[in-house]
Amino acid sequence: MALASSSAAFAATDFDTLDVDGNGAISQAEASVDASLMSQFTELDTDQNGELSKAEFSKA
């Protein structure tokens, strides 16, 4: 159930809104404005590059 709640919260937060610098990825600094996203950042960052791609973000 928590996953569904998290997904709904992420859906409300648009990828492009979080990608402040427009580089096509969400850094930890950019994600820090969303506590729910930050709590899952490491898990979502499957390639462990310190950023979330649109594909990684969409799995939230």
N, C-alpha and C. Protein backbone atom coordinates (compact mmCIF):
# COMPACT_ATOMS: atom_id res chain seq x y z
N MET A 1 0.82 -1.19 0.00
CA MET A 1 0.00 0.00 0.00
C MET A 1 0.86 1.26 0.00
N ALA A 2 1.97 1.22 0.71
CA ALA A 2 2.85 2.38 0.75
C ALA A 2 3.39 2.72 -0.64
N LEU A 3 3.67 1.69 -1.42
CA LEU A 3 4.18 1.93 -2.77
C LEU A 3 3.15 2.67 -3.61
N ALA A 4 1.90 2.30 -3.49
CA ALA A 4 0.85 2.99 -4.25
C ALA A 4 0.75 4.44 -3.83
N SER A 5 0.87 4.69 -2.54
CA SER A 5 0.83 6.07 -2.05
C SER A 5 2.01 6.86 -2.58
N SER A 6 3.18 6.23 -2.58
CA SER A 6 4.38 6.90 -3.09
C SER A 6 4.24 7.20 -4.57
N SER A 7 3.71 6.25 -5.32
CA SER A 7 3.54 6.46 -6.75
C SER A 7 2.61 7.63 -7.02
N ALA A 8 1.57 7.73 -6.24
CA ALA A 8 0.63 8.84 -6.41
C ALA A 8 1.32 10.16 -6.11
N ALA A 9 2.15 10.17 -5.09
CA ALA A 9 2.87 11.40 -4.73
C ALA A 9 3.83 11.79 -5.84
N PHE A 10 4.55 10.81 -6.40
CA PHE A 10 5.49 11.11 -7.48
C PHE A 10 4.76 11.56 -8.73
N ALA A 11 3.62 10.97 -9.00
CA ALA A 11 2.85 11.36 -10.18
C ALA A 11 2.46 12.83 -10.11
N ALA A 12 2.24 13.30 -8.89
CA ALA A 12 1.87 14.70 -8.71
C ALA A 12 3.06 15.63 -8.94
N THR A 13 4.25 15.07 -8.85
CA THR A 13 5.46 15.86 -9.06
C THR A 13 6.02 15.52 -10.43
N ASP A 14 5.99 16.44 -11.32
CA ASP A 14 6.41 16.25 -12.70
C ASP A 14 7.93 16.16 -12.81
N PHE A 15 8.43 15.20 -13.59
CA PHE A 15 9.86 15.03 -13.80
C PHE A 15 10.51 16.34 -14.24
N ASP A 16 9.91 16.99 -15.22
CA ASP A 16 10.50 18.22 -15.76
C ASP A 16 10.54 19.35 -14.74
N THR A 17 9.60 19.34 -13.81
CA THR A 17 9.61 20.35 -12.75
C THR A 17 10.79 20.12 -11.81
N LEU A 18 11.07 18.85 -11.49
CA LEU A 18 12.18 18.54 -10.60
C LEU A 18 13.53 18.71 -11.28
N ASP A 19 13.59 18.49 -12.59
CA ASP A 19 14.83 18.62 -13.34
C ASP A 19 15.10 20.10 -13.61
N VAL A 20 15.48 20.80 -12.56
CA VAL A 20 15.61 22.26 -12.60
C VAL A 20 16.62 22.72 -13.66
N ASP A 21 17.75 22.02 -13.79
CA ASP A 21 18.77 22.46 -14.75
C ASP A 21 18.51 21.95 -16.17
N GLY A 22 17.48 21.13 -16.35
CA GLY A 22 17.09 20.68 -17.68
C GLY A 22 18.06 19.73 -18.36
N ASN A 23 18.86 19.00 -17.56
CA ASN A 23 19.84 18.11 -18.16
C ASN A 23 19.30 16.70 -18.42
N GLY A 24 18.01 16.49 -18.17
CA GLY A 24 17.42 15.18 -18.43
C GLY A 24 17.55 14.19 -17.30
N ALA A 25 17.99 14.66 -16.14
CA ALA A 25 18.14 13.80 -14.97
C ALA A 25 17.85 14.61 -13.71
N ILE A 26 17.43 13.90 -12.67
CA ILE A 26 17.17 14.56 -11.39
C ILE A 26 18.30 14.20 -10.43
N SER A 27 19.05 15.19 -10.02
CA SER A 27 20.14 14.98 -9.07
C SER A 27 19.57 14.87 -7.67
N GLN A 28 20.40 14.45 -6.72
CA GLN A 28 19.96 14.39 -5.33
C GLN A 28 19.60 15.78 -4.84
N ALA A 29 20.33 16.78 -5.26
CA ALA A 29 20.03 18.16 -4.85
C ALA A 29 18.66 18.58 -5.36
N GLU A 30 18.36 18.24 -6.61
CA GLU A 30 17.06 18.58 -7.18
C GLU A 30 15.94 17.78 -6.49
N ALA A 31 16.22 16.53 -6.17
CA ALA A 31 15.22 15.67 -5.53
C ALA A 31 14.96 16.05 -4.08
N SER A 32 15.87 16.80 -3.49
CA SER A 32 15.77 17.11 -2.06
C SER A 32 14.52 17.92 -1.70
N VAL A 33 13.86 18.51 -2.68
CA VAL A 33 12.63 19.26 -2.40
C VAL A 33 11.44 18.34 -2.17
N ASP A 34 11.60 17.05 -2.44
CA ASP A 34 10.52 16.06 -2.28
C ASP A 34 11.00 14.96 -1.32
N ALA A 35 10.57 15.04 -0.06
CA ALA A 35 11.02 14.09 0.97
C ALA A 35 10.69 12.65 0.59
N SER A 36 9.55 12.44 -0.04
CA SER A 36 9.15 11.10 -0.43
C SER A 36 10.09 10.54 -1.50
N LEU A 37 10.46 11.36 -2.45
CA LEU A 37 11.40 10.94 -3.49
C LEU A 37 12.77 10.67 -2.89
N MET A 38 13.22 11.53 -2.01
CA MET A 38 14.53 11.35 -1.39
C MET A 38 14.62 10.05 -0.61
N SER A 39 13.53 9.66 0.03
CA SER A 39 13.55 8.43 0.83
C SER A 39 13.75 7.19 -0.04
N GLN A 40 13.47 7.29 -1.34
CA GLN A 40 13.62 6.16 -2.25
C GLN A 40 14.69 6.39 -3.31
N PHE A 41 15.41 7.48 -3.22
CA PHE A 41 16.34 7.88 -4.27
C PHE A 41 17.35 6.77 -4.59
N THR A 42 18.00 6.24 -3.56
CA THR A 42 19.04 5.22 -3.77
C THR A 42 18.47 3.98 -4.43
N GLU A 43 17.28 3.57 -4.01
CA GLU A 43 16.63 2.40 -4.60
C GLU A 43 16.26 2.64 -6.06
N LEU A 44 15.80 3.82 -6.37
CA LEU A 44 15.39 4.14 -7.74
C LEU A 44 16.57 4.34 -8.67
N ASP A 45 17.70 4.78 -8.14
CA ASP A 45 18.90 5.05 -8.93
C ASP A 45 19.61 3.74 -9.26
N THR A 46 19.00 2.96 -10.15
CA THR A 46 19.47 1.60 -10.41
C THR A 46 20.87 1.53 -11.03
N ASP A 47 21.29 2.55 -11.75
CA ASP A 47 22.64 2.54 -12.31
C ASP A 47 23.65 3.21 -11.37
N GLN A 48 23.18 3.66 -10.23
CA GLN A 48 24.00 4.24 -9.17
C GLN A 48 24.92 5.36 -9.65
N ASN A 49 24.37 6.24 -10.50
CA ASN A 49 25.17 7.36 -10.98
C ASN A 49 24.87 8.66 -10.23
N GLY A 50 24.02 8.57 -9.20
CA GLY A 50 23.71 9.75 -8.40
C GLY A 50 22.64 10.64 -8.99
N GLU A 51 22.00 10.17 -10.07
CA GLU A 51 20.93 10.92 -10.72
C GLU A 51 19.82 9.95 -11.11
N LEU A 52 18.61 10.48 -11.21
CA LEU A 52 17.49 9.67 -11.69
C LEU A 52 17.16 10.06 -13.12
N SER A 53 17.22 9.09 -14.00
CA SER A 53 16.78 9.33 -15.38
C SER A 53 15.25 9.33 -15.38
N LYS A 54 14.68 9.72 -16.50
CA LYS A 54 13.22 9.71 -16.61
C LYS A 54 12.70 8.28 -16.44
N ALA A 55 13.41 7.30 -16.98
CA ALA A 55 13.01 5.89 -16.85
C ALA A 55 13.06 5.44 -15.39
N GLU A 56 14.12 5.81 -14.68
CA GLU A 56 14.23 5.44 -13.26
C GLU A 56 13.13 6.13 -12.46
N PHE A 57 12.90 7.40 -12.72
CA PHE A 57 11.87 8.16 -12.02
C PHE A 57 10.49 7.57 -12.25
N SER A 58 10.24 7.08 -13.46
CA SER A 58 8.91 6.55 -13.79
C SER A 58 8.60 5.27 -13.04
N LYS A 59 9.61 4.62 -12.47
CA LYS A 59 9.39 3.39 -11.70
C LYS A 59 8.98 3.69 -10.27
N ALA A 60 8.96 4.96 -9.91
CA ALA A 60 8.59 5.35 -8.53
C ALA A 60 7.13 5.11 -8.28
